[in-house]
Amino acid sequence: MYDTPHSAQFQNLTQRLLLVFSDAGAIPRMSAQDIDHYSELALFHDVGKQAIPPEILNKPGTLTTEEYSIMKTHTVQGCRLLAKDPALSAREDFPLICDVCRHHHERWDGGGYPDGLPGCQIAPWVQVVGLADAFDALLQPRPYKPAYLWTQAAAMISDGACGAFAPDILICFRYSIGKIYAAVY
């Protein structure tokens, strides 16, 4: 999908989170093959941002309500863009690709988007991609914010500043993120 150092880093982060959470029982047990597969599919999560106007995507400062509404459409735009590729849309795992595009911003408490799915209605692996995305985004500088230290980013996620994640996932995240961070970054 994407072949950049950041993509490899994000895939590695997702892979390690899936492995640790699976081994700890925070998500259903996954085989090594499934972990590898899902961490590769995770790279598709933000493909819908290609449909977002650059002046919104790269805007320094806070987005207006209208701009934020447009930004949130990247979750549904991803599958629309990918469906235009006949080879990709014919893949057996295309529904999984659409799931991660559409639902990586859903939150355990139902306060996410685009569908407001609560709890167990969000695939466990997609919940992990959402957490990886939130953590990684906090570590990267953006036009509207500085990069945070990994300890600050971990605290923000643990304290709920970045959305609501499954309680078992958060407990496992708090316990393991130091080792995972050291291995990935």
N, C-alpha and C. Protein backbone atom coordinates (compact mmCIF):
# COMPACT_ATOMS: atom_id res chain seq x y z
N MET A 1 0.85 -1.19 0.00
CA MET A 1 0.00 0.00 0.00
C MET A 1 0.88 1.23 0.00
N TYR A 2 1.34 1.66 1.15
CA TYR A 2 2.23 2.81 1.25
C TYR A 2 3.63 2.28 1.56
N ASP A 3 4.63 2.89 0.96
CA ASP A 3 6.00 2.44 1.19
C ASP A 3 6.83 3.62 1.66
N THR A 4 6.63 4.02 2.91
CA THR A 4 7.40 5.10 3.50
C THR A 4 7.89 4.65 4.86
N PRO A 5 8.92 5.29 5.39
CA PRO A 5 9.37 4.93 6.75
C PRO A 5 8.24 5.07 7.78
N HIS A 6 7.43 6.12 7.66
CA HIS A 6 6.34 6.29 8.61
C HIS A 6 5.32 5.17 8.48
N SER A 7 5.02 4.72 7.27
CA SER A 7 4.09 3.62 7.08
C SER A 7 4.61 2.34 7.73
N ALA A 8 5.90 2.07 7.53
CA ALA A 8 6.50 0.88 8.14
C ALA A 8 6.43 0.99 9.67
N GLN A 9 6.67 2.17 10.19
CA GLN A 9 6.62 2.40 11.63
C GLN A 9 5.19 2.19 12.15
N PHE A 10 4.20 2.73 11.45
CA PHE A 10 2.81 2.57 11.87
C PHE A 10 2.40 1.10 11.80
N GLN A 11 2.80 0.41 10.75
CA GLN A 11 2.48 -1.01 10.62
C GLN A 11 3.13 -1.79 11.76
N ASN A 12 4.37 -1.47 12.09
CA ASN A 12 5.07 -2.14 13.18
C ASN A 12 4.38 -1.86 14.52
N LEU A 13 3.97 -0.63 14.75
CA LEU A 13 3.24 -0.28 15.97
C LEU A 13 1.95 -1.09 16.07
N THR A 14 1.19 -1.11 14.99
CA THR A 14 -0.07 -1.86 14.98
C THR A 14 0.18 -3.34 15.23
N GLN A 15 1.18 -3.88 14.56
CA GLN A 15 1.50 -5.30 14.70
C GLN A 15 1.86 -5.63 16.16
N ARG A 16 2.68 -4.81 16.77
CA ARG A 16 3.09 -5.08 18.15
C ARG A 16 1.92 -4.92 19.13
N LEU A 17 1.07 -3.92 18.91
CA LEU A 17 -0.10 -3.77 19.77
C LEU A 17 -1.03 -4.97 19.63
N LEU A 18 -1.28 -5.40 18.40
CA LEU A 18 -2.13 -6.58 18.18
C LEU A 18 -1.56 -7.80 18.88
N LEU A 19 -0.26 -8.01 18.76
CA LEU A 19 0.37 -9.17 19.38
C LEU A 19 0.25 -9.12 20.90
N VAL A 20 0.61 -7.99 21.49
CA VAL A 20 0.57 -7.87 22.95
C VAL A 20 -0.87 -7.98 23.46
N PHE A 21 -1.80 -7.29 22.81
CA PHE A 21 -3.19 -7.32 23.26
C PHE A 21 -3.80 -8.70 23.09
N SER A 22 -3.45 -9.38 22.01
CA SER A 22 -3.93 -10.74 21.78
C SER A 22 -3.38 -11.69 22.84
N ASP A 23 -2.08 -11.63 23.07
CA ASP A 23 -1.46 -12.50 24.07
C ASP A 23 -2.01 -12.26 25.47
N ALA A 24 -2.35 -11.01 25.77
CA ALA A 24 -2.85 -10.65 27.10
C ALA A 24 -4.35 -10.92 27.26
N GLY A 25 -5.04 -11.23 26.17
CA GLY A 25 -6.47 -11.46 26.24
C GLY A 25 -7.30 -10.19 26.21
N ALA A 26 -6.67 -9.06 25.87
CA ALA A 26 -7.41 -7.79 25.78
C ALA A 26 -8.28 -7.75 24.53
N ILE A 27 -7.91 -8.54 23.52
CA ILE A 27 -8.71 -8.76 22.31
C ILE A 27 -8.72 -10.27 22.08
N PRO A 28 -9.62 -10.77 21.25
CA PRO A 28 -9.61 -12.21 20.98
C PRO A 28 -8.26 -12.68 20.43
N ARG A 29 -7.89 -13.87 20.77
CA ARG A 29 -6.62 -14.46 20.35
C ARG A 29 -6.50 -14.43 18.83
N MET A 30 -5.32 -14.01 18.35
CA MET A 30 -5.05 -13.94 16.92
C MET A 30 -3.80 -14.75 16.60
N SER A 31 -3.80 -15.39 15.45
CA SER A 31 -2.61 -16.10 15.00
C SER A 31 -1.58 -15.09 14.51
N ALA A 32 -0.34 -15.51 14.41
CA ALA A 32 0.72 -14.64 13.88
C ALA A 32 0.39 -14.21 12.46
N GLN A 33 -0.18 -15.11 11.69
CA GLN A 33 -0.56 -14.80 10.30
C GLN A 33 -1.65 -13.72 10.28
N ASP A 34 -2.64 -13.83 11.16
CA ASP A 34 -3.70 -12.81 11.23
C ASP A 34 -3.14 -11.46 11.68
N ILE A 35 -2.25 -11.48 12.65
CA ILE A 35 -1.64 -10.23 13.12
C ILE A 35 -0.89 -9.55 11.98
N ASP A 36 -0.12 -10.33 11.23
CA ASP A 36 0.60 -9.76 10.08
C ASP A 36 -0.37 -9.19 9.05
N HIS A 37 -1.44 -9.95 8.76
CA HIS A 37 -2.42 -9.52 7.76
C HIS A 37 -3.12 -8.24 8.20
N TYR A 38 -3.63 -8.22 9.42
CA TYR A 38 -4.36 -7.04 9.89
C TYR A 38 -3.45 -5.82 10.01
N SER A 39 -2.19 -6.02 10.38
CA SER A 39 -1.30 -4.86 10.47
C SER A 39 -0.98 -4.31 9.08
N GLU A 40 -0.99 -5.16 8.06
CA GLU A 40 -0.84 -4.67 6.68
C GLU A 40 -2.10 -3.91 6.25
N LEU A 41 -3.27 -4.44 6.58
CA LEU A 41 -4.52 -3.76 6.22
C LEU A 41 -4.66 -2.42 6.93
N ALA A 42 -4.04 -2.30 8.10
CA ALA A 42 -4.10 -1.04 8.86
C ALA A 42 -3.55 0.13 8.05
N LEU A 43 -2.67 -0.15 7.11
CA LEU A 43 -2.09 0.93 6.31
C LEU A 43 -3.13 1.65 5.44
N PHE A 44 -4.26 1.03 5.23
CA PHE A 44 -5.33 1.64 4.44
C PHE A 44 -6.19 2.61 5.25
N HIS A 45 -6.02 2.68 6.56
CA HIS A 45 -6.98 3.38 7.42
C HIS A 45 -7.24 4.83 7.02
N ASP A 46 -6.24 5.55 6.57
CA ASP A 46 -6.42 6.98 6.26
C ASP A 46 -6.40 7.29 4.77
N VAL A 47 -6.59 6.29 3.92
CA VAL A 47 -6.54 6.53 2.48
C VAL A 47 -7.60 7.54 2.04
N GLY A 48 -8.69 7.64 2.76
CA GLY A 48 -9.74 8.59 2.43
C GLY A 48 -9.32 10.04 2.57
N LYS A 49 -8.20 10.30 3.23
CA LYS A 49 -7.73 11.69 3.34
C LYS A 49 -7.33 12.25 1.98
N GLN A 50 -7.13 11.38 1.00
CA GLN A 50 -6.84 11.86 -0.36
C GLN A 50 -8.01 12.65 -0.93
N ALA A 51 -9.20 12.44 -0.39
CA ALA A 51 -10.39 13.14 -0.86
C ALA A 51 -10.66 14.44 -0.09
N ILE A 52 -9.83 14.74 0.88
CA ILE A 52 -10.01 15.94 1.70
C ILE A 52 -9.21 17.08 1.07
N PRO A 53 -9.81 18.25 0.90
CA PRO A 53 -9.07 19.38 0.33
C PRO A 53 -7.81 19.69 1.15
N PRO A 54 -6.69 19.94 0.48
CA PRO A 54 -5.44 20.19 1.20
C PRO A 54 -5.50 21.38 2.14
N GLU A 55 -6.31 22.38 1.82
CA GLU A 55 -6.39 23.54 2.71
C GLU A 55 -7.04 23.17 4.05
N ILE A 56 -7.81 22.11 4.09
CA ILE A 56 -8.37 21.61 5.35
C ILE A 56 -7.38 20.64 5.99
N LEU A 57 -6.87 19.74 5.21
CA LEU A 57 -5.95 18.72 5.71
C LEU A 57 -4.70 19.34 6.34
N ASN A 58 -4.22 20.41 5.78
CA ASN A 58 -2.97 21.03 6.23
C ASN A 58 -3.16 22.35 6.97
N LYS A 59 -4.36 22.64 7.37
CA LYS A 59 -4.66 23.92 8.02
C LYS A 59 -3.97 24.03 9.38
N PRO A 60 -3.22 25.10 9.58
CA PRO A 60 -2.69 25.33 10.93
C PRO A 60 -3.83 25.86 11.81
N GLY A 61 -3.85 25.44 13.03
CA GLY A 61 -4.90 25.91 13.92
C GLY A 61 -6.12 25.02 13.90
N THR A 62 -7.11 25.43 14.64
CA THR A 62 -8.32 24.65 14.82
C THR A 62 -9.22 24.71 13.59
N LEU A 63 -9.79 23.57 13.23
CA LEU A 63 -10.74 23.52 12.13
C LEU A 63 -12.07 24.11 12.58
N THR A 64 -12.76 24.74 11.66
CA THR A 64 -14.13 25.19 11.95
C THR A 64 -15.02 23.96 12.03
N THR A 65 -16.23 24.13 12.49
CA THR A 65 -17.19 23.02 12.57
C THR A 65 -17.41 22.43 11.18
N GLU A 66 -17.55 23.27 10.18
CA GLU A 66 -17.75 22.80 8.80
C GLU A 66 -16.52 22.05 8.29
N GLU A 67 -15.34 22.59 8.55
CA GLU A 67 -14.10 21.93 8.11
C GLU A 67 -13.93 20.57 8.79
N TYR A 68 -14.24 20.51 10.08
CA TYR A 68 -14.13 19.25 10.81
C TYR A 68 -15.12 18.23 10.26
N SER A 69 -16.30 18.66 9.90
CA SER A 69 -17.28 17.75 9.28
C SER A 69 -16.74 17.18 7.98
N ILE A 70 -16.09 18.02 7.20
CA ILE A 70 -15.48 17.55 5.95
C ILE A 70 -14.33 16.58 6.26
N MET A 71 -13.50 16.91 7.23
CA MET A 71 -12.38 16.05 7.60
C MET A 71 -12.86 14.67 8.02
N LYS A 72 -13.94 14.62 8.77
CA LYS A 72 -14.45 13.33 9.24
C LYS A 72 -14.92 12.44 8.10
N THR A 73 -15.20 13.00 6.93
CA THR A 73 -15.65 12.17 5.81
C THR A 73 -14.55 11.27 5.27
N HIS A 74 -13.30 11.48 5.68
CA HIS A 74 -12.23 10.60 5.19
C HIS A 74 -12.51 9.14 5.54
N THR A 75 -13.29 8.92 6.58
CA THR A 75 -13.59 7.54 6.99
C THR A 75 -14.48 6.83 5.97
N VAL A 76 -15.39 7.56 5.36
CA VAL A 76 -16.25 6.93 4.35
C VAL A 76 -15.68 7.08 2.94
N GLN A 77 -14.86 8.08 2.75
CA GLN A 77 -14.25 8.30 1.43
C GLN A 77 -13.25 7.19 1.08
N GLY A 78 -12.60 6.62 2.08
CA GLY A 78 -11.58 5.61 1.84
C GLY A 78 -12.09 4.44 1.02
N CYS A 79 -13.18 3.89 1.43
CA CYS A 79 -13.74 2.74 0.71
C CYS A 79 -14.21 3.14 -0.68
N ARG A 80 -14.77 4.31 -0.81
CA ARG A 80 -15.21 4.78 -2.13
C ARG A 80 -14.04 4.89 -3.09
N LEU A 81 -12.93 5.44 -2.60
CA LEU A 81 -11.75 5.55 -3.44
C LEU A 81 -11.19 4.18 -3.81
N LEU A 82 -11.09 3.31 -2.83
CA LEU A 82 -10.51 1.99 -3.06
C LEU A 82 -11.40 1.11 -3.93
N ALA A 83 -12.71 1.31 -3.86
CA ALA A 83 -13.64 0.51 -4.67
C ALA A 83 -13.47 0.78 -6.16
N LYS A 84 -12.85 1.89 -6.50
CA LYS A 84 -12.62 2.22 -7.91
C LYS A 84 -11.51 1.39 -8.53
N ASP A 85 -10.73 0.70 -7.72
CA ASP A 85 -9.66 -0.17 -8.20
C ASP A 85 -10.22 -1.59 -8.30
N PRO A 86 -10.45 -2.09 -9.51
CA PRO A 86 -11.08 -3.42 -9.66
C PRO A 86 -10.29 -4.55 -8.98
N ALA A 87 -8.99 -4.51 -9.05
CA ALA A 87 -8.20 -5.57 -8.43
C ALA A 87 -8.32 -5.53 -6.91
N LEU A 88 -8.32 -4.35 -6.36
CA LEU A 88 -8.43 -4.20 -4.92
C LEU A 88 -9.83 -4.57 -4.44
N SER A 89 -10.83 -4.06 -5.13
CA SER A 89 -12.21 -4.33 -4.69
C SER A 89 -12.61 -5.79 -4.87
N ALA A 90 -11.86 -6.53 -5.68
CA ALA A 90 -12.14 -7.96 -5.88
C ALA A 90 -11.47 -8.83 -4.82
N ARG A 91 -10.61 -8.24 -4.00
CA ARG A 91 -9.92 -9.02 -2.98
C ARG A 91 -10.91 -9.57 -1.96
N GLU A 92 -10.63 -10.75 -1.50
CA GLU A 92 -11.48 -11.39 -0.49
C GLU A 92 -11.53 -10.57 0.81
N ASP A 93 -10.45 -9.87 1.11
CA ASP A 93 -10.39 -9.09 2.35
C ASP A 93 -10.83 -7.63 2.16
N PHE A 94 -11.43 -7.31 1.03
CA PHE A 94 -11.87 -5.93 0.81
C PHE A 94 -12.84 -5.44 1.90
N PRO A 95 -13.78 -6.28 2.38
CA PRO A 95 -14.63 -5.80 3.49
C PRO A 95 -13.84 -5.41 4.74
N LEU A 96 -12.74 -6.10 4.99
CA LEU A 96 -11.90 -5.74 6.14
C LEU A 96 -11.21 -4.40 5.92
N ILE A 97 -10.79 -4.16 4.68
CA ILE A 97 -10.17 -2.89 4.33
C ILE A 97 -11.18 -1.76 4.54
N CYS A 98 -12.39 -1.97 4.08
CA CYS A 98 -13.44 -0.96 4.26
C CYS A 98 -13.75 -0.75 5.75
N ASP A 99 -13.72 -1.83 6.51
CA ASP A 99 -14.00 -1.73 7.94
C ASP A 99 -12.98 -0.82 8.63
N VAL A 100 -11.69 -1.00 8.32
CA VAL A 100 -10.68 -0.17 8.98
C VAL A 100 -10.74 1.27 8.47
N CYS A 101 -11.04 1.46 7.20
CA CYS A 101 -11.19 2.84 6.68
C CYS A 101 -12.33 3.55 7.40
N ARG A 102 -13.46 2.88 7.48
CA ARG A 102 -14.68 3.50 7.99
C ARG A 102 -14.71 3.63 9.52
N HIS A 103 -14.15 2.67 10.23
CA HIS A 103 -14.42 2.59 11.67
C HIS A 103 -13.24 2.87 12.59
N HIS A 104 -12.10 3.29 12.07
CA HIS A 104 -10.95 3.51 12.96
C HIS A 104 -11.12 4.72 13.88
N HIS A 105 -12.14 5.54 13.67
CA HIS A 105 -12.43 6.66 14.58
C HIS A 105 -13.67 6.41 15.44
N GLU A 106 -14.19 5.20 15.41
CA GLU A 106 -15.28 4.85 16.33
C GLU A 106 -14.69 4.71 17.73
N ARG A 107 -15.50 4.94 18.75
CA ARG A 107 -15.02 4.90 20.12
C ARG A 107 -15.89 4.00 20.98
N TRP A 108 -15.28 3.39 21.96
CA TRP A 108 -15.93 2.41 22.83
C TRP A 108 -17.25 2.94 23.41
N ASP A 109 -17.30 4.23 23.72
CA ASP A 109 -18.50 4.80 24.34
C ASP A 109 -19.56 5.20 23.31
N GLY A 110 -19.31 4.92 22.03
CA GLY A 110 -20.26 5.28 20.98
C GLY A 110 -20.12 6.70 20.49
N GLY A 111 -19.15 7.43 20.99
CA GLY A 111 -18.98 8.83 20.63
C GLY A 111 -18.11 9.08 19.42
N GLY A 112 -17.74 8.04 18.69
CA GLY A 112 -16.90 8.22 17.52
C GLY A 112 -17.70 8.47 16.27
N TYR A 113 -17.02 8.36 15.14
CA TYR A 113 -17.67 8.60 13.85
C TYR A 113 -17.12 7.64 12.81
N PRO A 114 -17.83 7.37 11.74
CA PRO A 114 -19.02 8.04 11.24
C PRO A 114 -20.35 7.45 11.73
N ASP A 115 -20.31 6.24 12.32
CA ASP A 115 -21.55 5.54 12.64
C ASP A 115 -21.94 5.55 14.11
N GLY A 116 -21.08 6.07 14.98
CA GLY A 116 -21.38 6.08 16.41
C GLY A 116 -21.49 4.69 17.00
N LEU A 117 -20.68 3.75 16.49
CA LEU A 117 -20.73 2.37 16.98
C LEU A 117 -20.18 2.31 18.41
N PRO A 118 -20.90 1.63 19.30
CA PRO A 118 -20.38 1.45 20.65
C PRO A 118 -19.70 0.09 20.83
N GLY A 119 -18.79 0.04 21.76
CA GLY A 119 -18.21 -1.19 22.27
C GLY A 119 -17.92 -2.30 21.28
N CYS A 120 -18.56 -3.42 21.54
CA CYS A 120 -18.29 -4.65 20.78
C CYS A 120 -18.74 -4.58 19.33
N GLN A 121 -19.43 -3.54 18.93
CA GLN A 121 -19.81 -3.40 17.52
C GLN A 121 -18.62 -2.98 16.65
N ILE A 122 -17.53 -2.58 17.29
CA ILE A 122 -16.31 -2.21 16.57
C ILE A 122 -15.40 -3.44 16.60
N ALA A 123 -14.94 -3.89 15.44
CA ALA A 123 -14.05 -5.05 15.40
C ALA A 123 -12.84 -4.79 16.30
N PRO A 124 -12.44 -5.76 17.12
CA PRO A 124 -11.32 -5.55 18.02
C PRO A 124 -10.05 -5.08 17.32
N TRP A 125 -9.73 -5.65 16.17
CA TRP A 125 -8.51 -5.23 15.48
C TRP A 125 -8.61 -3.79 15.01
N VAL A 126 -9.82 -3.35 14.65
CA VAL A 126 -10.01 -1.96 14.22
C VAL A 126 -9.88 -1.02 15.43
N GLN A 127 -10.34 -1.47 16.60
CA GLN A 127 -10.13 -0.67 17.81
C GLN A 127 -8.64 -0.46 18.05
N VAL A 128 -7.85 -1.51 17.82
CA VAL A 128 -6.41 -1.41 18.03
C VAL A 128 -5.79 -0.46 17.00
N VAL A 129 -6.25 -0.51 15.76
CA VAL A 129 -5.77 0.43 14.74
C VAL A 129 -6.11 1.86 15.15
N GLY A 130 -7.31 2.07 15.68
CA GLY A 130 -7.70 3.40 16.14
C GLY A 130 -6.80 3.90 17.26
N LEU A 131 -6.45 3.03 18.18
CA LEU A 131 -5.54 3.40 19.26
C LEU A 131 -4.15 3.70 18.70
N ALA A 132 -3.66 2.85 17.80
CA ALA A 132 -2.35 3.08 17.18
C ALA A 132 -2.35 4.41 16.44
N ASP A 133 -3.43 4.71 15.74
CA ASP A 133 -3.55 5.96 14.99
C ASP A 133 -3.52 7.16 15.95
N ALA A 134 -4.25 7.08 17.04
CA ALA A 134 -4.28 8.18 18.01
C ALA A 134 -2.89 8.38 18.63
N PHE A 135 -2.25 7.30 19.05
CA PHE A 135 -0.92 7.40 19.67
C PHE A 135 0.09 7.96 18.68
N ASP A 136 0.12 7.41 17.49
CA ASP A 136 1.08 7.85 16.47
C ASP A 136 0.85 9.31 16.09
N ALA A 137 -0.41 9.72 15.98
CA ALA A 137 -0.72 11.11 15.62
C ALA A 137 -0.22 12.09 16.68
N LEU A 138 -0.30 11.69 17.94
CA LEU A 138 0.20 12.55 19.01
C LEU A 138 1.71 12.71 18.96
N LEU A 139 2.40 11.69 18.47
CA LEU A 139 3.86 11.73 18.40
C LEU A 139 4.39 12.54 17.23
N GLN A 140 3.54 12.78 16.23
CA GLN A 140 3.97 13.46 15.01
C GLN A 140 3.56 14.93 15.05
N PRO A 141 4.46 15.84 14.64
CA PRO A 141 4.04 17.24 14.56
C PRO A 141 3.03 17.42 13.43
N ARG A 142 2.09 18.28 13.63
CA ARG A 142 1.09 18.59 12.63
C ARG A 142 1.03 20.11 12.49
N PRO A 143 0.45 20.62 11.41
CA PRO A 143 0.36 22.08 11.27
C PRO A 143 -0.38 22.75 12.43
N TYR A 144 -1.23 22.01 13.10
CA TYR A 144 -2.06 22.55 14.16
C TYR A 144 -1.59 22.19 15.57
N LYS A 145 -0.48 21.39 15.69
CA LYS A 145 -0.01 21.00 17.01
C LYS A 145 1.43 20.53 16.96
N PRO A 146 2.13 20.61 18.10
CA PRO A 146 3.49 20.06 18.15
C PRO A 146 3.44 18.55 18.38
N ALA A 147 4.57 17.91 18.23
CA ALA A 147 4.69 16.50 18.61
C ALA A 147 4.76 16.43 20.14
N TYR A 148 4.13 15.41 20.70
CA TYR A 148 4.20 15.19 22.14
C TYR A 148 5.23 14.11 22.44
N LEU A 149 5.80 14.14 23.62
CA LEU A 149 6.64 13.05 24.09
C LEU A 149 5.79 11.79 24.22
N TRP A 150 6.39 10.64 24.07
CA TRP A 150 5.60 9.41 24.11
C TRP A 150 4.90 9.24 25.46
N THR A 151 5.52 9.69 26.53
CA THR A 151 4.89 9.58 27.84
C THR A 151 3.66 10.47 27.95
N GLN A 152 3.73 11.66 27.34
CA GLN A 152 2.57 12.55 27.31
C GLN A 152 1.46 11.93 26.47
N ALA A 153 1.82 11.39 25.30
CA ALA A 153 0.84 10.78 24.41
C ALA A 153 0.16 9.59 25.10
N ALA A 154 0.95 8.77 25.77
CA ALA A 154 0.38 7.61 26.46
C ALA A 154 -0.58 8.06 27.56
N ALA A 155 -0.21 9.10 28.29
CA ALA A 155 -1.08 9.62 29.36
C ALA A 155 -2.37 10.19 28.79
N MET A 156 -2.27 10.89 27.66
CA MET A 156 -3.47 11.47 27.04
C MET A 156 -4.44 10.37 26.61
N ILE A 157 -3.93 9.29 26.06
CA ILE A 157 -4.79 8.17 25.67
C ILE A 157 -5.37 7.50 26.91
N SER A 158 -4.54 7.24 27.89
CA SER A 158 -5.01 6.58 29.12
C SER A 158 -6.06 7.40 29.85
N ASP A 159 -5.93 8.73 29.79
CA ASP A 159 -6.86 9.62 30.49
C ASP A 159 -8.13 9.93 29.69
N GLY A 160 -8.22 9.42 28.47
CA GLY A 160 -9.42 9.62 27.67
C GLY A 160 -9.43 10.88 26.83
N ALA A 161 -8.32 11.59 26.74
CA ALA A 161 -8.27 12.82 25.95
C ALA A 161 -8.35 12.56 24.45
N CYS A 162 -8.14 11.33 24.04
CA CYS A 162 -8.12 10.99 22.61
C CYS A 162 -9.25 10.05 22.23
N GLY A 163 -10.28 10.02 23.03
CA GLY A 163 -11.41 9.14 22.74
C GLY A 163 -11.46 8.02 23.75
N ALA A 164 -12.50 7.26 23.65
CA ALA A 164 -12.72 6.16 24.58
C ALA A 164 -12.35 4.84 23.91
N PHE A 165 -11.49 4.09 24.58
CA PHE A 165 -11.09 2.77 24.09
C PHE A 165 -11.57 1.71 25.07
N ALA A 166 -11.65 0.49 24.62
CA ALA A 166 -12.11 -0.62 25.47
C ALA A 166 -11.27 -0.68 26.74
N PRO A 167 -11.90 -0.89 27.88
CA PRO A 167 -11.16 -0.91 29.14
C PRO A 167 -10.00 -1.92 29.16
N ASP A 168 -10.21 -3.12 28.65
CA ASP A 168 -9.14 -4.12 28.64
C ASP A 168 -7.97 -3.69 27.76
N ILE A 169 -8.29 -3.04 26.65
CA ILE A 169 -7.25 -2.54 25.76
C ILE A 169 -6.45 -1.43 26.46
N LEU A 170 -7.13 -0.54 27.16
CA LEU A 170 -6.43 0.55 27.85
C LEU A 170 -5.52 0.03 28.96
N ILE A 171 -5.98 -0.95 29.71
CA ILE A 171 -5.15 -1.52 30.77
C ILE A 171 -3.88 -2.12 30.17
N CYS A 172 -4.05 -2.88 29.11
CA CYS A 172 -2.91 -3.51 28.45
C CYS A 172 -1.99 -2.45 27.83
N PHE A 173 -2.57 -1.42 27.26
CA PHE A 173 -1.80 -0.32 26.68
C PHE A 173 -0.92 0.33 27.75
N ARG A 174 -1.51 0.67 28.89
CA ARG A 174 -0.76 1.32 29.97
C ARG A 174 0.42 0.45 30.41
N TYR A 175 0.19 -0.84 30.49
CA TYR A 175 1.22 -1.76 30.97
C TYR A 175 2.34 -1.96 29.95
N SER A 176 2.04 -1.91 28.67
CA SER A 176 2.99 -2.35 27.65
C SER A 176 3.56 -1.26 26.77
N ILE A 177 3.01 -0.05 26.80
CA ILE A 177 3.38 0.94 25.79
C ILE A 177 4.85 1.36 25.87
N GLY A 178 5.44 1.37 27.04
CA GLY A 178 6.85 1.74 27.14
C GLY A 178 7.74 0.81 26.34
N LYS A 179 7.54 -0.49 26.47
CA LYS A 179 8.33 -1.47 25.73
C LYS A 179 8.01 -1.40 24.24
N ILE A 180 6.74 -1.23 23.90
CA ILE A 180 6.36 -1.15 22.48
C ILE A 180 6.96 0.09 21.85
N TYR A 181 6.86 1.22 22.55
CA TYR A 181 7.44 2.46 22.02
C TYR A 181 8.93 2.30 21.75
N ALA A 182 9.64 1.73 22.70
CA ALA A 182 11.09 1.55 22.57
C ALA A 182 11.44 0.66 21.37
N ALA A 183 10.58 -0.31 21.08
CA ALA A 183 10.85 -1.23 19.97
C ALA A 183 10.50 -0.63 18.62
N VAL A 184 9.52 0.28 18.57
CA VAL A 184 9.02 0.81 17.30
C VAL A 184 9.70 2.12 16.92
N TYR A 185 9.88 3.01 17.87
CA TYR A 185 10.38 4.34 17.56
C TYR A 185 11.83 4.47 17.96
